[in-house]
PDB file of N, CA and C in Angstrom:
ATOM      1  N   UNK A   1     105.416 -94.599  21.435  1.00  0.00           N
ATOM      2  CA  UNK A   1     105.842 -93.927  20.036  1.00  0.00           C
ATOM      3  C   UNK A   1     104.646 -94.299  18.919  1.00  0.00           C
ATOM      4  N   UNK A   2     104.149 -95.788  18.930  1.00  0.00           N
ATOM      5  CA  UNK A   2     102.959 -95.947  18.029  1.00  0.00           C
ATOM      6  C   UNK A   2     101.642 -95.317  18.418  1.00  0.00           C
ATOM      7  N   UNK A   3     101.599 -94.884  19.563  1.00  0.00           N
ATOM      8  CA  UNK A   3     100.160 -94.236  19.943  1.00  0.00           C
ATOM      9  C   UNK A   3     100.651 -92.979  19.335  1.00  0.00           C
ATOM     10  N   UNK A   4     101.291 -92.127  19.153  1.00  0.00           N
ATOM     11  CA  UNK A   4     101.716 -91.153  18.607  1.00  0.00           C
ATOM     12  C   UNK A   4     101.412 -90.880  17.317  1.00  0.00           C
ATOM     13  N   UNK A   5     101.986 -91.792  16.434  1.00  0.00           N
ATOM     14  CA  UNK A   5     101.952 -92.262  15.134  1.00  0.00           C
ATOM     15  C   UNK A   5     100.454 -92.473  14.573  1.00  0.00           C
ATOM     16  N   UNK A   6      99.774 -93.240  15.466  1.00  0.00           N
ATOM     17  CA  UNK A   6      98.450 -93.493  15.152  1.00  0.00           C
ATOM     18  C   UNK A   6      97.501 -92.289  15.108  1.00  0.00           C
ATOM     19  N   UNK A   7      97.528 -91.312  16.081  1.00  0.00           N
ATOM     20  CA  UNK A   7      97.046 -90.221  16.159  1.00  0.00           C
ATOM     21  C   UNK A   7      97.538 -88.971  15.054  1.00  0.00           C
ATOM     22  N   UNK A   8      98.702 -88.964  14.727  1.00  0.00           N
ATOM     23  CA  UNK A   8      98.986 -88.077  13.554  1.00  0.00           C
ATOM     24  C   UNK A   8      98.566 -88.648  12.312  1.00  0.00           C
ATOM     25  N   UNK A   9      98.361 -90.126  11.993  1.00  0.00           N
ATOM     26  CA  UNK A   9      97.986 -90.822  10.711  1.00  0.00           C
ATOM     27  C   UNK A   9      96.439 -90.521  10.851  1.00  0.00           C
ATOM     28  N   UNK A  10      95.801 -90.586  11.853  1.00  0.00           N
ATOM     29  CA  UNK A  10      94.459 -90.212  11.997  1.00  0.00           C
ATOM     30  C   UNK A  10      93.878 -88.859  11.962  1.00  0.00           C
ATOM     31  N   UNK A  11      94.544 -87.963  12.338  1.00  0.00           N
ATOM     32  CA  UNK A  11      94.456 -86.541  12.003  1.00  0.00           C
ATOM     33  C   UNK A  11      94.944 -85.988  10.717  1.00  0.00           C
ATOM     34  N   UNK A  12      95.618 -86.831   9.761  1.00  0.00           N
ATOM     35  CA  UNK A  12      96.014 -86.265   8.566  1.00  0.00           C
ATOM     36  C   UNK A  12      95.119 -87.046   7.860  1.00  0.00           C
ATOM     37  N   UNK A  13      94.496 -88.049   8.234  1.00  0.00           N
ATOM     38  CA  UNK A  13      93.479 -88.689   7.328  1.00  0.00           C
ATOM     39  C   UNK A  13      92.192 -87.726   7.334  1.00  0.00           C
ATOM     40  N   UNK A  14      91.999 -87.261   8.469  1.00  0.00           N
ATOM     41  CA  UNK A  14      90.755 -86.339   8.665  1.00  0.00           C
ATOM     42  C   UNK A  14      90.916 -84.971   7.740  1.00  0.00           C
ATOM     43  N   UNK A  15      91.898 -84.474   7.756  1.00  0.00           N
ATOM     44  CA  UNK A  15      92.162 -83.161   6.632  1.00  0.00           C
ATOM     45  C   UNK A  15      92.031 -83.792   5.269  1.00  0.00           C
ATOM     46  N   UNK A  16      91.890 -84.873   4.986  1.00  0.00           N
ATOM     47  CA  UNK A  16      92.453 -85.695   3.424  1.00  0.00           C
ATOM     48  C   UNK A  16      90.897 -85.857   3.196  1.00  0.00           C
ATOM     49  N   UNK A  17      89.883 -86.027   4.249  1.00  0.00           N
ATOM     50  CA  UNK A  17      88.340 -86.390   3.842  1.00  0.00           C
ATOM     51  C   UNK A  17      88.071 -85.340   2.858  1.00  0.00           C
ATOM     52  N   UNK A  18      87.432 -85.741   1.558  1.00  0.00           N
ATOM     53  CA  UNK A  18      86.698 -84.794   0.919  1.00  0.00           C
ATOM     54  C   UNK A  18      85.399 -83.964   1.307  1.00  0.00           C
ATOM     55  N   UNK A  19      85.644 -82.740   1.389  1.00  0.00           N
ATOM     56  CA  UNK A  19      84.274 -81.682   1.735  1.00  0.00           C
ATOM     57  C   UNK A  19      83.033 -82.509   1.570  1.00  0.00           C
ATOM     58  N   UNK A  20      82.563 -83.199   0.547  1.00  0.00           N
ATOM     59  CA  UNK A  20      81.700 -83.666  -0.093  1.00  0.00           C
ATOM     60  C   UNK A  20      81.257 -84.594   1.257  1.00  0.00           C
ATOM     61  N   UNK A  21      81.916 -85.681   1.427  1.00  0.00           N
ATOM     62  CA  UNK A  21      81.517 -86.422   2.583  1.00  0.00           C
ATOM     63  C   UNK A  21      81.066 -86.165   3.862  1.00  0.00           C
ATOM     64  N   UNK A  22      82.033 -84.779   4.112  1.00  0.00           N
ATOM     65  CA  UNK A  22      81.273 -83.898   5.497  1.00  0.00           C
ATOM     66  C   UNK A  22      79.858 -83.468   5.105  1.00  0.00           C
ATOM     67  N   UNK A  23      79.741 -83.062   3.909  1.00  0.00           N
ATOM     68  CA  UNK A  23      78.462 -82.209   3.416  1.00  0.00           C
ATOM     69  C   UNK A  23      77.549 -83.503   3.712  1.00  0.00           C
ATOM     70  N   UNK A  24      77.766 -84.556   2.951  1.00  0.00           N
ATOM     71  CA  UNK A  24      76.723 -85.739   2.854  1.00  0.00           C
ATOM     72  C   UNK A  24      76.347 -85.900   4.456  1.00  0.00           C
ATOM     73  N   UNK A  25      77.096 -86.024   5.509  1.00  0.00           N
ATOM     74  CA  UNK A  25      76.981 -86.378   6.630  1.00  0.00           C
ATOM     75  C   UNK A  25      76.051 -85.307   7.453  1.00  0.00           C
ATOM     76  N   UNK A  26      76.414 -84.167   6.924  1.00  0.00           N
ATOM     77  CA  UNK A  26      75.592 -83.085   7.645  1.00  0.00           C
ATOM     78  C   UNK A  26      74.238 -82.786   7.015  1.00  0.00           C
ATOM     79  N   UNK A  27      73.780 -83.353   5.751  1.00  0.00           N
ATOM     80  CA  UNK A  27      72.765 -83.140   5.023  1.00  0.00           C
ATOM     81  C   UNK A  27      72.852 -81.750   4.253  1.00  0.00           C
ATOM     82  N   UNK A  28      74.003 -81.366   3.760  1.00  0.00           N
ATOM     83  CA  UNK A  28      74.201 -79.967   3.436  1.00  0.00           C
ATOM     84  C   UNK A  28      74.469 -80.099   1.919  1.00  0.00           C
ATOM     85  N   UNK A  29      74.122 -78.672   1.153  1.00  0.00           N
ATOM     86  CA  UNK A  29      74.081 -78.841  -0.462  1.00  0.00           C
ATOM     87  C   UNK A  29      75.335 -78.131  -0.721  1.00  0.00           C
ATOM     88  N   UNK A  30      76.402 -78.925  -1.191  1.00  0.00           N
ATOM     89  CA  UNK A  30      77.558 -78.279  -1.390  1.00  0.00           C
ATOM     90  C   UNK A  30      77.638 -78.312  -3.042  1.00  0.00           C
ATOM     91  N   UNK A  31      76.602 -78.359  -3.592  1.00  0.00           N
ATOM     92  CA  UNK A  31      76.873 -78.718  -5.133  1.00  0.00           C
ATOM     93  C   UNK A  31      76.904 -77.197  -5.855  1.00  0.00           C
ATOM     94  N   UNK A  32      76.623 -76.287  -5.336  1.00  0.00           N
ATOM     95  CA  UNK A  32      76.698 -74.838  -5.910  1.00  0.00           C
ATOM     96  C   UNK A  32      78.174 -74.360  -5.642  1.00  0.00           C
ATOM     97  N   UNK A  33      78.488 -73.199  -6.324  1.00  0.00           N
ATOM     98  CA  UNK A  33      79.691 -72.324  -6.065  1.00  0.00           C
ATOM     99  C   UNK A  33      79.957 -71.547  -4.851  1.00  0.00           C
ATOM    100  N   UNK A  34      81.067 -71.417  -4.391  1.00  0.00           N
ATOM    101  CA  UNK A  34      80.793 -70.347  -3.342  1.00  0.00           C
ATOM    102  C   UNK A  34      80.946 -69.057  -3.677  1.00  0.00           C
ATOM    103  N   UNK A  35      80.739 -68.325  -4.706  1.00  0.00           N
ATOM    104  CA  UNK A  35      80.803 -67.107  -4.898  1.00  0.00           C
ATOM    105  C   UNK A  35      79.587 -66.257  -4.471  1.00  0.00           C
ATOM    106  N   UNK A  36      79.577 -65.060  -4.255  1.00  0.00           N
ATOM    107  CA  UNK A  36      78.711 -64.202  -3.513  1.00  0.00           C
ATOM    108  C   UNK A  36      77.906 -64.259  -4.454  1.00  0.00           C
ATOM    109  N   UNK A  37      76.376 -63.703  -4.045  1.00  0.00           N
ATOM    110  CA  UNK A  37      75.345 -63.536  -4.600  1.00  0.00           C
ATOM    111  C   UNK A  37      74.944 -62.844  -5.981  1.00  0.00           C
ATOM    112  N   UNK A  38      76.049 -62.077  -6.074  1.00  0.00           N
ATOM    113  CA  UNK A  38      76.287 -61.043  -7.133  1.00  0.00           C
ATOM    114  C   UNK A  38      77.114 -61.636  -8.139  1.00  0.00           C
ATOM    115  N   UNK A  39      77.758 -62.406  -7.951  1.00  0.00           N
ATOM    116  CA  UNK A  39      78.893 -63.320  -8.751  1.00  0.00           C
ATOM    117  C   UNK A  39      77.980 -64.430  -9.260  1.00  0.00           C
ATOM    118  N   UNK A  40      76.917 -64.875  -8.619  1.00  0.00           N
ATOM    119  CA  UNK A  40      76.328 -66.273  -9.199  1.00  0.00           C
ATOM    120  C   UNK A  40      75.821 -66.341 -10.802  1.00  0.00           C
ATOM    121  N   UNK A  41      76.172 -67.357 -11.376  1.00  0.00           N
ATOM    122  CA  UNK A  41      75.750 -67.463 -12.967  1.00  0.00           C
ATOM    123  C   UNK A  41      74.371 -66.956 -13.145  1.00  0.00           C
ATOM    124  N   UNK A  42      73.919 -66.400 -13.953  1.00  0.00           N
ATOM    125  CA  UNK A  42      72.687 -66.108 -14.432  1.00  0.00           C
ATOM    126  C   UNK A  42      71.877 -67.058 -14.802  1.00  0.00           C
ATOM    127  N   UNK A  43      70.810 -67.415 -14.328  1.00  0.00           N
ATOM    128  CA  UNK A  43      70.067 -68.624 -15.116  1.00  0.00           C
ATOM    129  C   UNK A  43      69.284 -67.626 -16.410  1.00  0.00           C
ATOM    130  N   UNK A  44      68.772 -68.802 -17.030  1.00  0.00           N
ATOM    131  CA  UNK A  44      68.051 -68.152 -18.572  1.00  0.00           C
ATOM    132  C   UNK A  44      66.475 -67.669 -17.930  1.00  0.00           C
ATOM    133  N   UNK A  45      66.372 -66.485 -18.503  1.00  0.00           N
ATOM    134  CA  UNK A  45      65.364 -65.577 -17.979  1.00  0.00           C
ATOM    135  C   UNK A  45      64.050 -66.539 -18.733  1.00  0.00           C
ATOM    136  N   UNK A  46      62.869 -66.540 -18.122  1.00  0.00           N
ATOM    137  CA  UNK A  46      61.615 -66.982 -18.510  1.00  0.00           C
ATOM    138  C   UNK A  46      60.843 -65.713 -19.042  1.00  0.00           C
ATOM    139  N   UNK A  47      60.108 -66.081 -20.241  1.00  0.00           N
ATOM    140  CA  UNK A  47      59.291 -64.547 -20.703  1.00  0.00           C
ATOM    141  C   UNK A  47      57.738 -65.432 -20.381  1.00  0.00           C
ATOM    142  N   UNK A  48      56.870 -64.359 -19.775  1.00  0.00           N
ATOM    143  CA  UNK A  48      55.658 -65.033 -19.299  1.00  0.00           C
ATOM    144  C   UNK A  48      54.706 -63.878 -19.599  1.00  0.00           C
ATOM    145  N   UNK A  49      53.633 -64.124 -19.721  1.00  0.00           N
ATOM    146  CA  UNK A  49      52.617 -62.941 -19.964  1.00  0.00           C
ATOM    147  C   UNK A  49      51.618 -63.167 -18.687  1.00  0.00           C
ATOM    148  N   UNK A  50      51.311 -61.998 -18.182  1.00  0.00           N
ATOM    149  CA  UNK A  50      50.318 -61.589 -16.930  1.00  0.00           C
ATOM    150  C   UNK A  50      49.766 -60.280 -16.831  1.00  0.00           C
ATOM    151  N   UNK A  51      49.031 -60.202 -15.576  1.00  0.00           N
ATOM    152  CA  UNK A  51      48.151 -59.110 -15.467  1.00  0.00           C
ATOM    153  C   UNK A  51      48.514 -58.474 -14.147  1.00  0.00           C
ATOM    154  N   UNK A  52      48.971 -57.233 -13.993  1.00  0.00           N
ATOM    155  CA  UNK A  52      49.386 -56.618 -12.909  1.00  0.00           C
ATOM    156  C   UNK A  52      48.199 -56.664 -12.096  1.00  0.00           C
ATOM    157  N   UNK A  53      48.425 -57.091 -10.616  1.00  0.00           N
ATOM    158  CA  UNK A  53      47.266 -56.586  -9.903  1.00  0.00           C
ATOM    159  C   UNK A  53      47.497 -55.853  -8.701  1.00  0.00           C
ATOM    160  N   UNK A  54      49.018 -55.587  -8.602  1.00  0.00           N
ATOM    161  CA  UNK A  54      49.293 -54.541  -7.474  1.00  0.00           C
ATOM    162  C   UNK A  54      51.086 -54.125  -7.461  1.00  0.00           C
ATOM    163  N   UNK A  55      50.976 -52.632  -7.326  1.00  0.00           N
ATOM    164  CA  UNK A  55      52.381 -52.288  -7.398  1.00  0.00           C
ATOM    165  C   UNK A  55      52.598 -51.666  -6.257  1.00  0.00           C
ATOM    166  N   UNK A  56      53.843 -52.191  -5.418  1.00  0.00           N
ATOM    167  CA  UNK A  56      54.270 -51.402  -4.265  1.00  0.00           C
ATOM    168  C   UNK A  56      55.612 -50.872  -4.804  1.00  0.00           C
ATOM    169  N   UNK A  57      55.542 -49.414  -4.888  1.00  0.00           N
ATOM    170  CA  UNK A  57      56.584 -48.513  -5.125  1.00  0.00           C
ATOM    171  C   UNK A  57      57.821 -48.607  -4.037  1.00  0.00           C
ATOM    172  N   UNK A  58      57.355 -48.689  -2.971  1.00  0.00           N
ATOM    173  CA  UNK A  58      58.201 -48.560  -1.661  1.00  0.00           C
ATOM    174  C   UNK A  58      58.896 -49.660  -1.673  1.00  0.00           C
ATOM    175  N   UNK A  59      58.411 -50.976  -2.060  1.00  0.00           N
ATOM    176  CA  UNK A  59      59.215 -52.175  -2.015  1.00  0.00           C
ATOM    177  C   UNK A  59      59.920 -52.383  -3.309  1.00  0.00           C
ATOM    178  N   UNK A  60      59.748 -51.920  -4.401  1.00  0.00           N
ATOM    179  CA  UNK A  60      59.993 -52.100  -5.782  1.00  0.00           C
ATOM    180  C   UNK A  60      59.668 -53.482  -5.952  1.00  0.00           C
ATOM    181  N   UNK A  61      58.054 -53.613  -5.874  1.00  0.00           N
ATOM    182  CA  UNK A  61      57.714 -54.923  -6.238  1.00  0.00           C
ATOM    183  C   UNK A  61      56.382 -54.925  -6.931  1.00  0.00           C
ATOM    184  N   UNK A  62      55.786 -56.188  -7.543  1.00  0.00           N
ATOM    185  CA  UNK A  62      54.606 -56.026  -8.436  1.00  0.00           C
ATOM    186  C   UNK A  62      53.849 -57.505  -8.132  1.00  0.00           C
ATOM    187  N   UNK A  63      52.531 -57.535  -7.900  1.00  0.00           N
ATOM    188  CA  UNK A  63      52.046 -58.464  -7.712  1.00  0.00           C
ATOM    189  C   UNK A  63      51.534 -58.792  -8.937  1.00  0.00           C
ATOM    190  N   UNK A  64      51.596 -60.121  -9.612  1.00  0.00           N
ATOM    191  CA  UNK A  64      51.169 -60.129 -10.904  1.00  0.00           C
ATOM    192  C   UNK A  64      50.312 -61.998 -10.868  1.00  0.00           C
ATOM    193  N   UNK A  65      49.319 -61.650 -11.762  1.00  0.00           N
ATOM    194  CA  UNK A  65      48.743 -62.946 -11.939  1.00  0.00           C
ATOM    195  C   UNK A  65      49.259 -63.511 -13.177  1.00  0.00           C
ATOM    196  N   UNK A  66      50.057 -64.653 -13.240  1.00  0.00           N
ATOM    197  CA  UNK A  66      50.360 -65.247 -14.700  1.00  0.00           C
ATOM    198  C   UNK A  66      50.369 -66.306 -14.887  1.00  0.00           C
ATOM    199  N   UNK A  67      50.211 -66.344 -16.300  1.00  0.00           N
ATOM    200  CA  UNK A  67      49.838 -67.769 -17.198  1.00  0.00           C
ATOM    201  C   UNK A  67      50.846 -68.979 -16.653  1.00  0.00           C
ATOM    202  N   UNK A  68      50.529 -70.120 -16.728  1.00  0.00           N
ATOM    203  CA  UNK A  68      51.312 -71.441 -16.597  1.00  0.00           C
ATOM    204  C   UNK A  68      52.542 -71.078 -16.872  1.00  0.00           C
ATOM    205  N   UNK A  69      53.866 -71.738 -16.182  1.00  0.00           N
ATOM    206  CA  UNK A  69      55.102 -71.790 -16.783  1.00  0.00           C
ATOM    207  C   UNK A  69      55.481 -73.169 -16.829  1.00  0.00           C
ATOM    208  N   UNK A  70      55.302 -74.015 -17.683  1.00  0.00           N
ATOM    209  CA  UNK A  70      55.621 -75.519 -17.678  1.00  0.00           C
ATOM    210  C   UNK A  70      56.914 -75.636 -17.568  1.00  0.00           C
ATOM    211  N   UNK A  71      58.131 -74.761 -18.311  1.00  0.00           N
ATOM    212  CA  UNK A  71      59.577 -75.180 -17.679  1.00  0.00           C
ATOM    213  C   UNK A  71      59.962 -75.102 -16.310  1.00  0.00           C
ATOM    214  N   UNK A  72      58.902 -74.413 -15.690  1.00  0.00           N
ATOM    215  CA  UNK A  72      59.233 -74.544 -14.027  1.00  0.00           C
ATOM    216  C   UNK A  72      58.273 -75.398 -13.449  1.00  0.00           C
ATOM    217  N   UNK A  73      57.478 -76.033 -13.982  1.00  0.00           N
ATOM    218  CA  UNK A  73      56.314 -76.799 -13.512  1.00  0.00           C
ATOM    219  C   UNK A  73      55.270 -76.160 -12.698  1.00  0.00           C
ATOM    220  N   UNK A  74      55.240 -74.816 -12.985  1.00  0.00           N
ATOM    221  CA  UNK A  74      54.134 -73.954 -12.215  1.00  0.00           C
ATOM    222  C   UNK A  74      52.952 -73.842 -13.329  1.00  0.00           C
ATOM    223  N   UNK A  75      51.595 -73.734 -12.171  1.00  0.00           N
ATOM    224  CA  UNK A  75      50.239 -73.647 -13.077  1.00  0.00           C
ATOM    225  C   UNK A  75      50.189 -71.922 -12.719  1.00  0.00           C
ATOM    226  N   UNK A  76      49.189 -71.617 -13.588  1.00  0.00           N
ATOM    227  CA  UNK A  76      48.872 -70.236 -13.685  1.00  0.00           C
ATOM    228  C   UNK A  76      48.692 -69.770 -12.085  1.00  0.00           C
ATOM    229  N   UNK A  77      49.006 -68.783 -11.756  1.00  0.00           N
ATOM    230  CA  UNK A  77      49.217 -68.166 -10.373  1.00  0.00           C
ATOM    231  C   UNK A  77      49.342 -66.679 -10.266  1.00  0.00           C
ATOM    232  N   UNK A  78      49.290 -66.213  -8.807  1.00  0.00           N
ATOM    233  CA  UNK A  78      49.373 -64.875  -8.785  1.00  0.00           C
ATOM    234  C   UNK A  78      50.179 -64.902  -7.653  1.00  0.00           C
ATOM    235  N   UNK A  79      51.528 -63.972  -8.030  1.00  0.00           N
ATOM    236  CA  UNK A  79      52.882 -64.046  -6.843  1.00  0.00           C
ATOM    237  C   UNK A  79      53.281 -62.583  -6.847  1.00  0.00           C
ATOM    238  N   UNK A  80      54.508 -62.259  -6.226  1.00  0.00           N
ATOM    239  CA  UNK A  80      55.316 -61.245  -6.098  1.00  0.00           C
ATOM    240  C   UNK A  80      56.276 -61.344  -6.829  1.00  0.00           C
ATOM    241  N   UNK A  81      56.841 -60.330  -7.612  1.00  0.00           N
ATOM    242  CA  UNK A  81      57.987 -60.244  -8.265  1.00  0.00           C
ATOM    243  C   UNK A  81      58.555 -58.754  -7.811  1.00  0.00           C
ATOM    244  N   UNK A  82      60.068 -58.689  -7.631  1.00  0.00           N
ATOM    245  CA  UNK A  82      60.885 -57.547  -7.584  1.00  0.00           C
ATOM    246  C   UNK A  82      61.133 -57.173  -8.867  1.00  0.00           C
ATOM    247  N   UNK A  83      61.411 -56.231  -8.952  1.00  0.00           N
ATOM    248  CA  UNK A  83      61.625 -55.621 -10.230  1.00  0.00           C
ATOM    249  C   UNK A  83      63.051 -55.203 -10.438  1.00  0.00           C
ATOM    250  N   UNK A  84      64.072 -55.257 -11.606  1.00  0.00           N
ATOM    251  CA  UNK A  84      65.152 -54.873 -11.569  1.00  0.00           C
ATOM    252  C   UNK A  84      65.340 -53.341 -11.835  1.00  0.00           C
ATOM    253  N   UNK A  85      64.651 -52.730 -12.360  1.00  0.00           N
ATOM    254  CA  UNK A  85      64.623 -51.494 -12.067  1.00  0.00           C
ATOM    255  C   UNK A  85      63.130 -50.680 -11.889  1.00  0.00           C
ATOM    256  N   UNK A  86      63.512 -50.493 -10.522  1.00  0.00           N
ATOM    257  CA  UNK A  86      62.225 -49.530  -9.708  1.00  0.00           C
ATOM    258  C   UNK A  86      61.557 -48.393 -10.436  1.00  0.00           C
ATOM    259  N   UNK A  87      62.470 -47.678 -11.352  1.00  0.00           N
ATOM    260  CA  UNK A  87      61.867 -46.672 -12.225  1.00  0.00           C
ATOM    261  C   UNK A  87      60.578 -47.152 -13.288  1.00  0.00           C
ATOM    262  N   UNK A  88      60.279 -48.475 -13.564  1.00  0.00           N
ATOM    263  CA  UNK A  88      59.697 -49.158 -14.290  1.00  0.00           C
ATOM    264  C   UNK A  88      57.953 -49.146 -13.548  1.00  0.00           C
ATOM    265  N   UNK A  89      58.280 -49.010 -12.131  1.00  0.00           N
ATOM    266  CA  UNK A  89      56.855 -48.891 -11.524  1.00  0.00           C
ATOM    267  C   UNK A  89      56.072 -47.832 -11.743  1.00  0.00           C
ATOM    268  N   UNK A  90      56.617 -46.936 -12.323  1.00  0.00           N
ATOM    269  CA  UNK A  90      56.237 -45.398 -12.572  1.00  0.00           C
ATOM    270  C   UNK A  90      55.178 -45.446 -13.931  1.00  0.00           C
ATOM    271  N   UNK A  91      55.590 -46.108 -14.562  1.00  0.00           N
ATOM    272  CA  UNK A  91      54.692 -46.157 -16.146  1.00  0.00           C
ATOM    273  C   UNK A  91      53.992 -47.214 -15.875  1.00  0.00           C
ATOM    274  N   UNK A  92      53.621 -48.120 -14.975  1.00  0.00           N
ATOM    275  CA  UNK A  92      53.121 -49.286 -14.913  1.00  0.00           C
ATOM    276  C   UNK A  92      51.629 -48.836 -14.162  1.00  0.00           C
ATOM    277  N   UNK A  93      50.570 -49.897 -14.448  1.00  0.00           N
ATOM    278  CA  UNK A  93      49.510 -49.815 -13.366  1.00  0.00           C
ATOM    279  C   UNK A  93      48.514 -51.084 -13.050  1.00  0.00           C
ATOM    280  N   UNK A  94      47.886 -50.978 -12.280  1.00  0.00           N
ATOM    281  CA  UNK A  94      47.370 -52.266 -11.756  1.00  0.00           C
ATOM    282  C   UNK A  94      46.449 -52.620 -12.770  1.00  0.00           C
ATOM    283  N   UNK A  95      45.910 -53.657 -13.270  1.00  0.00           N
ATOM    284  CA  UNK A  95      44.873 -54.142 -14.558  1.00  0.00           C
ATOM    285  C   UNK A  95      45.649 -54.204 -15.830  1.00  0.00           C
ATOM    286  N   UNK A  96      47.084 -53.801 -15.870  1.00  0.00           N
ATOM    287  CA  UNK A  96      47.587 -53.612 -16.950  1.00  0.00           C
ATOM    288  C   UNK A  96      48.189 -55.079 -17.537  1.00  0.00           C
ATOM    289  N   UNK A  97      48.060 -55.696 -18.831  1.00  0.00           N
ATOM    290  CA  UNK A  97      48.477 -56.761 -19.260  1.00  0.00           C
ATOM    291  C   UNK A  97      49.632 -56.628 -19.915  1.00  0.00           C
ATOM    292  N   UNK A  98      50.863 -57.533 -19.428  1.00  0.00           N
ATOM    293  CA  UNK A  98      52.185 -57.317 -19.908  1.00  0.00           C
ATOM    294  C   UNK A  98      52.728 -58.605 -20.071  1.00  0.00           C
ATOM    295  N   UNK A  99      53.941 -58.677 -20.786  1.00  0.00           N
ATOM    296  CA  UNK A  99      54.682 -59.410 -21.241  1.00  0.00           C
ATOM    297  C   UNK A  99      56.145 -59.326 -20.290  1.00  0.00           C
ATOM    298  N   UNK A 100      56.627 -60.536 -19.554  1.00  0.00           N
ATOM    299  CA  UNK A 100      57.813 -59.822 -18.821  1.00  0.00           C
ATOM    300  C   UNK A 100      58.890 -61.150 -18.682  1.00  0.00           C
ATOM    301  N   UNK A 101      60.004 -60.638 -18.499  1.00  0.00           N
ATOM    302  CA  UNK A 101      60.967 -61.816 -18.374  1.00  0.00           C
ATOM    303  C   UNK A 101      61.730 -61.846 -17.070  1.00  0.00           C
ATOM    304  N   UNK A 102      61.458 -62.862 -16.045  1.00  0.00           N
ATOM    305  CA  UNK A 102      62.235 -62.817 -14.848  1.00  0.00           C
ATOM    306  C   UNK A 102      63.217 -64.022 -14.748  1.00  0.00           C
ATOM    307  N   UNK A 103      63.991 -63.880 -13.870  1.00  0.00           N
ATOM    308  CA  UNK A 103      65.100 -64.635 -13.467  1.00  0.00           C
ATOM    309  C   UNK A 103      65.042 -64.993 -11.872  1.00  0.00           C
ATOM    310  N   UNK A 104      65.581 -65.814 -11.131  1.00  0.00           N
ATOM    311  CA  UNK A 104      65.559 -65.968  -9.849  1.00  0.00           C
ATOM    312  C   UNK A 104      66.935 -65.517  -9.430  1.00  0.00           C
ATOM    313  N   UNK A 105      67.102 -64.875  -8.401  1.00  0.00           N
ATOM    314  CA  UNK A 105      68.288 -64.056  -7.715  1.00  0.00           C
ATOM    315  C   UNK A 105      68.444 -64.170  -6.458  1.00  0.00           C
ATOM    316  N   UNK A 106      69.234 -64.780  -5.880  1.00  0.00           N
ATOM    317  CA  UNK A 106      69.156 -64.656  -4.401  1.00  0.00           C
ATOM    318  C   UNK A 106      67.884 -64.855  -3.591  1.00  0.00           C
ATOM    319  N   UNK A 107      67.329 -65.929  -4.423  1.00  0.00           N
ATOM    320  CA  UNK A 107      66.069 -66.188  -3.597  1.00  0.00           C
ATOM    321  C   UNK A 107      64.975 -65.543  -4.096  1.00  0.00           C
ATOM    322  N   UNK A 108      65.068 -64.373  -4.869  1.00  0.00           N
ATOM    323  CA  UNK A 108      63.799 -63.624  -5.230  1.00  0.00           C
ATOM    324  C   UNK A 108      63.519 -64.032  -6.695  1.00  0.00           C
ATOM    325  N   UNK A 109      62.493 -63.661  -7.177  1.00  0.00           N
ATOM    326  CA  UNK A 109      62.236 -63.687  -8.489  1.00  0.00           C
ATOM    327  C   UNK A 109      61.978 -62.241  -9.145  1.00  0.00           C
ATOM    328  N   UNK A 110      62.884 -61.788 -10.040  1.00  0.00           N
ATOM    329  CA  UNK A 110      63.269 -60.761 -10.247  1.00  0.00           C
ATOM    330  C   UNK A 110      62.829 -60.106 -11.600  1.00  0.00           C
ATOM    331  N   UNK A 111      62.114 -59.364 -11.972  1.00  0.00           N
ATOM    332  CA  UNK A 111      61.619 -59.169 -13.615  1.00  0.00           C
ATOM    333  C   UNK A 111      62.943 -58.324 -14.115  1.00  0.00           C
ATOM    334  N   UNK A 112      63.272 -58.765 -15.112  1.00  0.00           N
ATOM    335  CA  UNK A 112      64.548 -58.036 -16.125  1.00  0.00           C
ATOM    336  C   UNK A 112      64.011 -57.398 -17.235  1.00  0.00           C
ATOM    337  N   UNK A 113      62.473 -57.555 -17.771  1.00  0.00           N
ATOM    338  CA  UNK A 113      62.119 -56.588 -18.818  1.00  0.00           C
ATOM    339  C   UNK A 113      60.761 -56.794 -18.604  1.00  0.00           C
ATOM    340  N   UNK A 114      60.201 -55.877 -19.274  1.00  0.00           N
ATOM    341  CA  UNK A 114      58.931 -55.458 -19.187  1.00  0.00           C
ATOM    342  C   UNK A 114      58.569 -55.037 -20.857  1.00  0.00           C
ATOM    343  N   UNK A 115      57.487 -55.733 -21.171  1.00  0.00           N
ATOM    344  CA  UNK A 115      57.001 -55.266 -22.609  1.00  0.00           C
ATOM    345  C   UNK A 115      55.666 -55.218 -22.577  1.00  0.00           C
TER     346      UNK A 115
END
């Protein structure tokens, strides 16, 4: 009977172990919430000046050389951005200087406004 009680007690304690301890043992980050990507809280948009280097209308992306972004610790660089509204790509052209706002969504950098 003692053996059975011990097994039940250990089983109960296992169920009571906080998920964060399990995550620590498994090297997992459990700090984020568990909502789907479309429900993730929106981070503040970054406003940047850049020059369009290439437009890929099929993919809905632009390659932009942009100025440094100190708040992200980024130096000036050239990188790809998705666009929130692919229709914008029809009015933009390579070589054009723009100011744009972007956020990070589901692992991609997405332009949310172009000026």
